[in-house]
Structures are given as structure tokens and as C-alpha cells.
Amino acid sequence: MANETKDTIYDLNTVFVLKSMNLSGEIAYITVIIALPAYIFAVVSNLLIIVTVIFNRTMHEPMYILLCNLSLNDIFGISAMVPRSIFNIMFEYGLVTFPECILQAWFLHLYGGTTLLILSVMAFDRYIAICHPLRYHAIMSKTFLLGLIAFSWLTTCFLCFILFCLTLRHPFCRKDLPSYYCDNVSILRVTCATDITVNNVYGLFITGFFHGVGLFSVIFSYTCIIITCCKTKDSESKSKAWHTCGTHLAVFLIYEISSSAVVLLHRFPNTPPTVQRIMGLVYVIVPNCLNPVIYGLKTKDVKSKMKFLKNRIFGMNKLKPAKSEQVKAITTM
């Protein structure tokens, strides 16, 4: 990298040069052919879940409201990276302005932290529903639920705000980003900073915080759930509990593995560039495509409500759902 004038002050006109994907013609086409449909599927399926939850009052329960927030966050995450990456590959364009770079990095970090916190709240919700069913609605009240959701979003925003403040306090010396997308680590590497100890310590802190909260919540909740299920003799209740928890655990493990892999790759700069590029896309594409399938479209209540919503929108069935169906939807939570 060629050094620019030292102590360059960043402004709205600053332009960074993203590292090229360096993909051959055939591989570039294959990447676009896979990434574009995956992006469209992820956005449409997550939007479908959000609309289904919003327009069905019987689904205004904690589990589905949290699922709605997870889907919204997934849309933010995949939209922050995939469209820009596809554009860069197709047109071999690697320039990005300072505001665009910061915005992309912000949403990628917001996506990562919020996902883990929302999944943690989901684990707690399942713990209360299965281990303390008689007190479920008293504990998971609307006020408490909104507080947990606000905590998930605002905590991530606050911690990421400090992260970027620590990075942007340094002036820039270079404009060639060592990555094909913008994130905090890449931006930090083009600054004039000679001592980034504070940045590294804080980066490790928030990484440990998000992953620590997620792992603790899941381990604690599922340990209690397993103990409760082993004590109960109702096979139907056991089956419902295992199905609900299994979908949540699958989503959590998929995201935890992919995000941990990306974090580790940043700590080992000698990792082959091809691996870094692939994992960067996997990090946002795979979880966001599988989440609506595993957690939404595979859930009976969500599928039935989607069919009803489709019929109501297209005028195929203008009748309201039977009262027994509404009661059944609530009891299967």
C-alpha cells in the first residue's frame, strides 16, 4: 500500500479503494448466480415472515414478535453487504465513499451483535414457556418484552458507536482498504494509528460480550429445559418442546459457527484471501437464507398463517379464521 499524506482528515468526499475480489470470469459469474438469488430469497422470505406476524393478531405473542425482529435484523445484515459485493463483481468497481463505507460497516456490526442478543432473548423466552408455563404471560408481559427488544438493539448500537468512535479518532494515511467490504478492522488498518491497544482490547471485549451472553443464555436455558422435559410424562408436551427448541438451537449454532469463523480469520491475517472472501459472504448469506426456512417456514403456525394471509390478500378466502383455529395457535406457543 502506498502511503498518502500523513494525518489526512476524513470527510464526506474521501474515497476508499476496496480490495478486488480477484475472481476469474467463470468464478465471478458463478458467485453472482448464487449470491443474487440467495439475497432475493432471504429478503423476500424474511419480509414474508414480518408481514405474516404483523397482520395476524393471534401471532402477537413474544416468540413471534422476537422472530419478527430477527427477520428484520437479517434483512439489514444481508442488504449491507451482498448487493454492493455483487455490484463490485459485475462491474469490477472497487471505489467506496467514506459515508458508504461507514454505513456498511455499521450495519454489519449491528447485524452481528443484535442477532446474538435477540437469539439470547429467544432462548430465555423458551425457558420461561417450558419451565414456568403458568407464569409465562405474567413474566413475558408486553412491557418486559419491549424492554428486552430495546435492550438488544440499543445495547448493540451503543457498543458499536464506541467502537467506531475509537477507530475514527485516528486520521487516515491510506485509502486502499485491505478487504473487499468495509468493517471496523479494515477501516482501522488504513488509519495512521501506531498504537491500537485500546481498539484491540475493546474489540475483544464486545466480541466476548456478545458471544458470551449468547452462549450463557442458550446453555442455561437448554439445561433447565432438558431437566424439565425429563421430569414430565406428557409425550406430546415433550415433542412440542423439542421441536421448538431444536429450531432455535439450529439457528443459533449456524450463526455462532459462521460468525466465530469470521472473527478468527481477522485474528489470523495470513489466512488465504480466497478463504476470507468466501467466509465473508457465507457469514451473511447462509444464516439469513436458512433462518426463515428453519425458524419460520418450517413452523406449522407460521405456514398456516401465511396461507391464510395469501388467501385474504388475493380474495380467495374472505372469511375469518375459525375460533378453534385461533385457540389452537395460542396453545401451541
Foldseek 3Di string as FASTA:
>chain_A
DDWAPAQAAADQAAKFFEDFPPDDPVVLVVCLVVLVVLLVLLLVLLVLLLVLCVPDPLNPDLLSVLSNVLSVLLNLQSVLPRVVLNVCSVVVGGMDTPVNLVSSQLSNQLSLLLNLLSLLVNLVLLLCCQVPVVCNCVCCPPVVSVVSNCCSNVVSNVLVVVLVVLQNVFGFTHRYFHHSGHHSLSSSVRGPDPDCPVNVVSVVVSVCVSVVSNVVSNVVSVVSNVVSLVPDPDPVSNVLSCLLNVLSVVLSVQLVVLVVVLVVCSVPVVPPSNVNVVSVNSNSSVSSSVNCVSNACPDPLNVVSSVVVVCCVVVVDVDDDDPVVSVVSNVSD
